[in-house]
Amino acid sequence: MISTPKRRRFQYSLATLFTMITAFGIVCGLFWIHHRVDGRDWMLKLLSERGALTGNVVSEESAPKLPFLWATFGARPIGVIVLADDAFTEEELAEISVLFPESSIQRRTYFDMPGTGMGR
């Protein structure tokens, strides 16, 4: 009787498993950072549509610092965000503060907004 050879399964060591899990985590983290930077771009468009004013920094010394990987993915630091009082809900304000941790967020009435020509 002829014996058939046993089929060998792939065998991985524990170190290989940890390496694969780490690589998967890094890839997921990079996708998450890219998602956050895209969220910042989307929120900047929404801010401009609703009449908010954003101000960039003038000098590099006074520039607010962004996380390194956010800057690598193209996020620009925003120094000041001026919002009209009634244009955003509390949930949206919380989202803005999460997406722009480096910014000073100010809420003003429409008449106090710079550039409206209607100061009190």
N, C-alpha and C. Protein backbone atom coordinates (compact mmCIF):
# COMPACT_ATOMS: atom_id res chain seq x y z
N MET A 1 0.82 -1.16 0.00
CA MET A 1 0.00 0.00 0.00
C MET A 1 0.88 1.24 0.00
N ILE A 2 0.53 2.20 -0.84
CA ILE A 2 1.32 3.44 -0.96
C ILE A 2 0.74 4.48 -0.02
N SER A 3 1.61 5.01 0.80
CA SER A 3 1.14 6.04 1.73
C SER A 3 1.27 7.42 1.07
N THR A 4 0.24 8.20 1.20
CA THR A 4 0.28 9.55 0.63
C THR A 4 0.93 10.49 1.64
N PRO A 5 1.71 11.42 1.15
CA PRO A 5 2.36 12.34 2.09
C PRO A 5 1.33 13.26 2.75
N LYS A 6 1.59 13.61 3.98
CA LYS A 6 0.71 14.51 4.71
C LYS A 6 0.85 15.93 4.15
N ARG A 7 -0.28 16.61 4.10
CA ARG A 7 -0.24 18.00 3.63
C ARG A 7 0.23 18.88 4.78
N ARG A 8 1.18 19.71 4.47
CA ARG A 8 1.70 20.62 5.50
C ARG A 8 0.92 21.92 5.46
N ARG A 9 0.56 22.38 6.59
CA ARG A 9 -0.08 23.68 6.68
C ARG A 9 0.98 24.75 6.88
N PHE A 10 0.60 25.96 6.55
CA PHE A 10 1.52 27.07 6.81
C PHE A 10 1.68 27.21 8.31
N GLN A 11 2.87 27.45 8.73
CA GLN A 11 3.12 27.64 10.15
C GLN A 11 3.77 29.01 10.34
N TYR A 12 3.21 29.74 11.28
CA TYR A 12 3.72 31.07 11.58
C TYR A 12 4.17 31.10 13.04
N SER A 13 5.20 31.86 13.28
CA SER A 13 5.65 32.01 14.65
C SER A 13 4.87 33.14 15.31
N LEU A 14 4.98 33.24 16.61
CA LEU A 14 4.30 34.29 17.35
C LEU A 14 4.85 35.67 16.96
N ALA A 15 6.14 35.74 16.68
CA ALA A 15 6.75 37.02 16.26
C ALA A 15 6.17 37.48 14.93
N THR A 16 5.91 36.55 14.02
CA THR A 16 5.30 36.91 12.73
C THR A 16 3.89 37.43 12.94
N LEU A 17 3.15 36.80 13.83
CA LEU A 17 1.80 37.25 14.14
C LEU A 17 1.82 38.67 14.69
N PHE A 18 2.70 38.94 15.65
CA PHE A 18 2.79 40.29 16.22
C PHE A 18 3.21 41.31 15.17
N THR A 19 4.12 40.95 14.29
CA THR A 19 4.56 41.86 13.22
C THR A 19 3.41 42.19 12.28
N MET A 20 2.62 41.18 11.93
CA MET A 20 1.48 41.41 11.02
C MET A 20 0.42 42.28 11.69
N ILE A 21 0.16 42.05 12.97
CA ILE A 21 -0.83 42.86 13.68
C ILE A 21 -0.34 44.31 13.80
N THR A 22 0.94 44.50 14.05
CA THR A 22 1.51 45.85 14.14
C THR A 22 1.42 46.57 12.80
N ALA A 23 1.75 45.88 11.72
CA ALA A 23 1.67 46.48 10.38
C ALA A 23 0.23 46.85 10.05
N PHE A 24 -0.70 45.99 10.40
CA PHE A 24 -2.12 46.27 10.16
C PHE A 24 -2.56 47.50 10.97
N GLY A 25 -2.11 47.60 12.21
CA GLY A 25 -2.44 48.75 13.04
C GLY A 25 -1.88 50.05 12.49
N ILE A 26 -0.67 50.01 11.98
CA ILE A 26 -0.05 51.21 11.39
C ILE A 26 -0.83 51.66 10.16
N VAL A 27 -1.20 50.72 9.31
CA VAL A 27 -1.96 51.06 8.10
C VAL A 27 -3.32 51.65 8.48
N CYS A 28 -4.00 51.05 9.46
CA CYS A 28 -5.29 51.59 9.90
C CYS A 28 -5.12 52.98 10.49
N GLY A 29 -4.05 53.21 11.25
CA GLY A 29 -3.80 54.53 11.83
C GLY A 29 -3.55 55.58 10.77
N LEU A 30 -2.81 55.23 9.73
CA LEU A 30 -2.56 56.19 8.65
C LEU A 30 -3.84 56.53 7.91
N PHE A 31 -4.70 55.53 7.69
CA PHE A 31 -5.99 55.82 7.06
C PHE A 31 -6.84 56.72 7.94
N TRP A 32 -6.78 56.51 9.26
CA TRP A 32 -7.55 57.34 10.17
C TRP A 32 -7.06 58.78 10.15
N ILE A 33 -5.76 58.98 10.12
CA ILE A 33 -5.20 60.34 10.07
C ILE A 33 -5.60 61.02 8.76
N HIS A 34 -5.55 60.28 7.66
CA HIS A 34 -5.97 60.84 6.37
C HIS A 34 -7.45 61.22 6.43
N HIS A 35 -8.26 60.41 7.08
CA HIS A 35 -9.68 60.72 7.24
C HIS A 35 -9.87 61.99 8.05
N ARG A 36 -9.11 62.19 9.11
CA ARG A 36 -9.22 63.39 9.93
C ARG A 36 -8.81 64.64 9.15
N VAL A 37 -7.74 64.53 8.36
CA VAL A 37 -7.30 65.68 7.56
C VAL A 37 -8.36 66.01 6.50
N ASP A 38 -8.96 65.01 5.89
CA ASP A 38 -10.06 65.27 4.95
C ASP A 38 -11.25 65.90 5.66
N GLY A 39 -11.49 65.48 6.90
CA GLY A 39 -12.56 66.08 7.69
C GLY A 39 -12.30 67.55 7.97
N ARG A 40 -11.04 67.90 8.20
CA ARG A 40 -10.68 69.31 8.38
C ARG A 40 -10.97 70.11 7.12
N ASP A 41 -10.61 69.56 5.96
CA ASP A 41 -10.86 70.27 4.70
C ASP A 41 -12.36 70.45 4.47
N TRP A 42 -13.13 69.40 4.77
CA TRP A 42 -14.59 69.49 4.61
C TRP A 42 -15.16 70.54 5.56
N MET A 43 -14.68 70.55 6.79
CA MET A 43 -15.19 71.51 7.77
C MET A 43 -14.80 72.94 7.39
N LEU A 44 -13.62 73.15 6.81
CA LEU A 44 -13.25 74.49 6.35
C LEU A 44 -14.21 74.98 5.27
N LYS A 45 -14.62 74.08 4.37
CA LYS A 45 -15.60 74.46 3.35
C LYS A 45 -16.94 74.81 3.99
N LEU A 46 -17.36 74.01 4.97
CA LEU A 46 -18.62 74.29 5.66
C LEU A 46 -18.54 75.61 6.42
N LEU A 47 -17.41 75.88 7.04
CA LEU A 47 -17.24 77.14 7.76
C LEU A 47 -17.37 78.33 6.83
N SER A 48 -16.74 78.25 5.66
CA SER A 48 -16.81 79.37 4.72
C SER A 48 -18.22 79.52 4.14
N GLU A 49 -18.94 78.41 3.95
CA GLU A 49 -20.31 78.49 3.44
C GLU A 49 -21.24 79.16 4.44
N ARG A 50 -20.99 78.96 5.72
CA ARG A 50 -21.86 79.53 6.75
C ARG A 50 -21.36 80.88 7.25
N GLY A 51 -20.39 81.46 6.60
CA GLY A 51 -19.96 82.81 6.91
C GLY A 51 -18.95 82.95 8.03
N ALA A 52 -18.32 81.87 8.42
CA ALA A 52 -17.30 81.96 9.46
C ALA A 52 -16.01 82.50 8.85
N LEU A 53 -15.22 83.13 9.68
CA LEU A 53 -13.94 83.66 9.25
C LEU A 53 -12.83 82.83 9.85
N THR A 54 -11.84 82.48 9.05
CA THR A 54 -10.68 81.75 9.55
C THR A 54 -9.44 82.58 9.29
N GLY A 55 -8.54 82.56 10.24
CA GLY A 55 -7.31 83.33 10.10
C GLY A 55 -6.10 82.43 10.24
N ASN A 56 -5.20 82.56 9.29
CA ASN A 56 -3.94 81.82 9.36
C ASN A 56 -2.93 82.62 10.16
N VAL A 57 -1.88 81.97 10.54
CA VAL A 57 -0.85 82.63 11.34
C VAL A 57 0.07 83.45 10.43
N VAL A 58 0.61 84.51 11.00
CA VAL A 58 1.45 85.41 10.22
C VAL A 58 2.89 84.94 10.19
N SER A 59 3.42 84.54 11.33
CA SER A 59 4.82 84.15 11.38
C SER A 59 4.95 82.70 11.83
N GLU A 60 6.06 82.09 11.47
CA GLU A 60 6.31 80.70 11.83
C GLU A 60 6.53 80.54 13.33
N GLU A 61 7.06 81.57 14.00
CA GLU A 61 7.30 81.46 15.43
C GLU A 61 6.01 81.37 16.22
N SER A 62 4.99 82.11 15.77
CA SER A 62 3.72 82.12 16.49
C SER A 62 2.74 81.08 15.96
N ALA A 63 3.18 80.26 15.03
CA ALA A 63 2.29 79.26 14.44
C ALA A 63 1.91 78.20 15.46
N PRO A 64 0.60 77.91 15.58
CA PRO A 64 0.21 76.82 16.46
C PRO A 64 0.69 75.50 15.87
N LYS A 65 1.05 74.58 16.74
CA LYS A 65 1.63 73.32 16.28
C LYS A 65 0.54 72.29 16.03
N LEU A 66 0.64 71.64 14.90
CA LEU A 66 -0.23 70.51 14.55
C LEU A 66 0.50 69.21 14.87
N PRO A 67 -0.23 68.13 15.07
CA PRO A 67 0.46 66.85 15.16
C PRO A 67 1.28 66.59 13.89
N PHE A 68 2.43 65.98 14.04
CA PHE A 68 3.38 65.81 12.93
C PHE A 68 2.73 65.11 11.73
N LEU A 69 2.02 64.04 11.97
CA LEU A 69 1.45 63.29 10.84
C LEU A 69 0.33 64.06 10.17
N TRP A 70 -0.39 64.91 10.91
CA TRP A 70 -1.42 65.73 10.27
C TRP A 70 -0.76 66.67 9.27
N ALA A 71 0.34 67.29 9.67
CA ALA A 71 1.05 68.19 8.76
C ALA A 71 1.62 67.42 7.58
N THR A 72 2.05 66.19 7.80
CA THR A 72 2.57 65.37 6.71
C THR A 72 1.50 65.10 5.67
N PHE A 73 0.26 64.93 6.12
CA PHE A 73 -0.84 64.68 5.19
C PHE A 73 -1.44 65.95 4.62
N GLY A 74 -0.84 67.11 4.91
CA GLY A 74 -1.24 68.35 4.25
C GLY A 74 -2.13 69.28 5.05
N ALA A 75 -2.34 69.03 6.32
CA ALA A 75 -3.17 69.94 7.11
C ALA A 75 -2.40 71.22 7.40
N ARG A 76 -3.09 72.35 7.26
CA ARG A 76 -2.49 73.65 7.56
C ARG A 76 -2.99 74.12 8.93
N PRO A 77 -2.12 74.74 9.71
CA PRO A 77 -2.61 75.27 10.99
C PRO A 77 -3.50 76.48 10.78
N ILE A 78 -4.58 76.52 11.52
CA ILE A 78 -5.51 77.64 11.49
C ILE A 78 -5.44 78.30 12.86
N GLY A 79 -5.09 79.57 12.89
CA GLY A 79 -4.89 80.25 14.16
C GLY A 79 -6.18 80.63 14.86
N VAL A 80 -7.12 81.22 14.11
CA VAL A 80 -8.35 81.74 14.71
C VAL A 80 -9.53 81.36 13.83
N ILE A 81 -10.61 80.95 14.46
CA ILE A 81 -11.88 80.72 13.77
C ILE A 81 -12.92 81.58 14.46
N VAL A 82 -13.55 82.48 13.69
CA VAL A 82 -14.59 83.36 14.23
C VAL A 82 -15.92 82.91 13.65
N LEU A 83 -16.84 82.52 14.54
CA LEU A 83 -18.13 81.97 14.14
C LEU A 83 -19.25 82.93 14.50
N ALA A 84 -20.27 82.96 13.65
CA ALA A 84 -21.48 83.69 14.01
C ALA A 84 -22.20 82.89 15.09
N ASP A 85 -22.81 83.59 16.03
CA ASP A 85 -23.40 82.94 17.20
C ASP A 85 -24.43 81.87 16.86
N ASP A 86 -25.28 82.13 15.90
CA ASP A 86 -26.39 81.22 15.63
C ASP A 86 -26.15 80.29 14.44
N ALA A 87 -24.96 80.29 13.88
CA ALA A 87 -24.71 79.51 12.66
C ALA A 87 -24.39 78.04 12.94
N PHE A 88 -23.99 77.70 14.16
CA PHE A 88 -23.56 76.33 14.45
C PHE A 88 -24.21 75.83 15.73
N THR A 89 -24.55 74.55 15.75
CA THR A 89 -25.10 73.92 16.94
C THR A 89 -23.96 73.56 17.90
N GLU A 90 -24.32 73.16 19.10
CA GLU A 90 -23.32 72.77 20.09
C GLU A 90 -22.53 71.54 19.63
N GLU A 91 -23.21 70.60 18.97
CA GLU A 91 -22.52 69.40 18.46
C GLU A 91 -21.50 69.77 17.39
N GLU A 92 -21.88 70.71 16.52
CA GLU A 92 -20.94 71.15 15.48
C GLU A 92 -19.76 71.90 16.09
N LEU A 93 -20.01 72.67 17.14
CA LEU A 93 -18.90 73.35 17.82
C LEU A 93 -17.94 72.36 18.44
N ALA A 94 -18.48 71.28 19.01
CA ALA A 94 -17.61 70.25 19.57
C ALA A 94 -16.78 69.60 18.48
N GLU A 95 -17.39 69.34 17.33
CA GLU A 95 -16.66 68.75 16.20
C GLU A 95 -15.57 69.69 15.70
N ILE A 96 -15.88 70.98 15.65
CA ILE A 96 -14.88 71.97 15.20
C ILE A 96 -13.69 72.00 16.15
N SER A 97 -13.96 71.96 17.45
CA SER A 97 -12.86 72.00 18.41
C SER A 97 -12.02 70.73 18.37
N VAL A 98 -12.61 69.60 18.00
CA VAL A 98 -11.83 68.36 17.85
C VAL A 98 -10.99 68.41 16.58
N LEU A 99 -11.57 68.90 15.50
CA LEU A 99 -10.83 68.94 14.23
C LEU A 99 -9.76 70.02 14.19
N PHE A 100 -9.93 71.07 14.97
CA PHE A 100 -8.98 72.18 14.98
C PHE A 100 -8.48 72.43 16.40
N PRO A 101 -7.69 71.52 16.96
CA PRO A 101 -7.25 71.70 18.35
C PRO A 101 -6.29 72.87 18.53
N GLU A 102 -5.67 73.32 17.45
CA GLU A 102 -4.69 74.39 17.54
C GLU A 102 -5.33 75.77 17.45
N SER A 103 -6.62 75.83 17.13
CA SER A 103 -7.28 77.11 16.85
C SER A 103 -7.92 77.71 18.08
N SER A 104 -7.98 79.03 18.06
CA SER A 104 -8.77 79.77 19.04
C SER A 104 -10.13 80.01 18.40
N ILE A 105 -11.18 79.44 18.98
CA ILE A 105 -12.52 79.53 18.40
C ILE A 105 -13.29 80.60 19.16
N GLN A 106 -13.82 81.58 18.40
CA GLN A 106 -14.56 82.70 18.98
C GLN A 106 -15.95 82.72 18.39
N ARG A 107 -16.94 82.99 19.23
CA ARG A 107 -18.32 83.13 18.77
C ARG A 107 -18.72 84.59 18.94
N ARG A 108 -19.28 85.14 17.88
CA ARG A 108 -19.72 86.54 17.92
C ARG A 108 -21.07 86.66 17.25
N THR A 109 -21.78 87.71 17.60
CA THR A 109 -23.01 87.99 16.89
C THR A 109 -22.65 88.53 15.50
N TYR A 110 -23.62 88.52 14.60
CA TYR A 110 -23.35 88.95 13.23
C TYR A 110 -22.84 90.38 13.20
N PHE A 111 -23.37 91.23 14.05
CA PHE A 111 -22.99 92.64 14.01
C PHE A 111 -21.58 92.88 14.52
N ASP A 112 -21.06 91.95 15.31
CA ASP A 112 -19.70 92.09 15.83
C ASP A 112 -18.67 91.42 14.94
N MET A 113 -19.12 90.76 13.87
CA MET A 113 -18.19 90.04 13.00
C MET A 113 -17.33 91.02 12.22
N PRO A 114 -16.01 90.81 12.17
CA PRO A 114 -15.18 91.68 11.37
C PRO A 114 -15.54 91.55 9.89
N GLY A 115 -15.50 92.64 9.19
CA GLY A 115 -15.76 92.63 7.76
C GLY A 115 -17.21 92.84 7.39
N THR A 116 -18.13 92.91 8.38
CA THR A 116 -19.53 93.14 8.04
C THR A 116 -19.85 94.62 7.91
N GLY A 117 -18.98 95.48 8.47
CA GLY A 117 -19.23 96.93 8.39
C GLY A 117 -20.35 97.38 9.27
N MET A 118 -20.76 96.55 10.22
CA MET A 118 -21.91 96.89 11.05
C MET A 118 -21.54 96.82 12.53
N GLY A 119 -20.40 97.37 12.90
CA GLY A 119 -20.02 97.36 14.31
C GLY A 119 -20.96 98.17 15.14
N ARG A 120 -21.10 97.82 16.38
CA ARG A 120 -22.04 98.55 17.26
C ARG A 120 -21.44 99.81 17.79
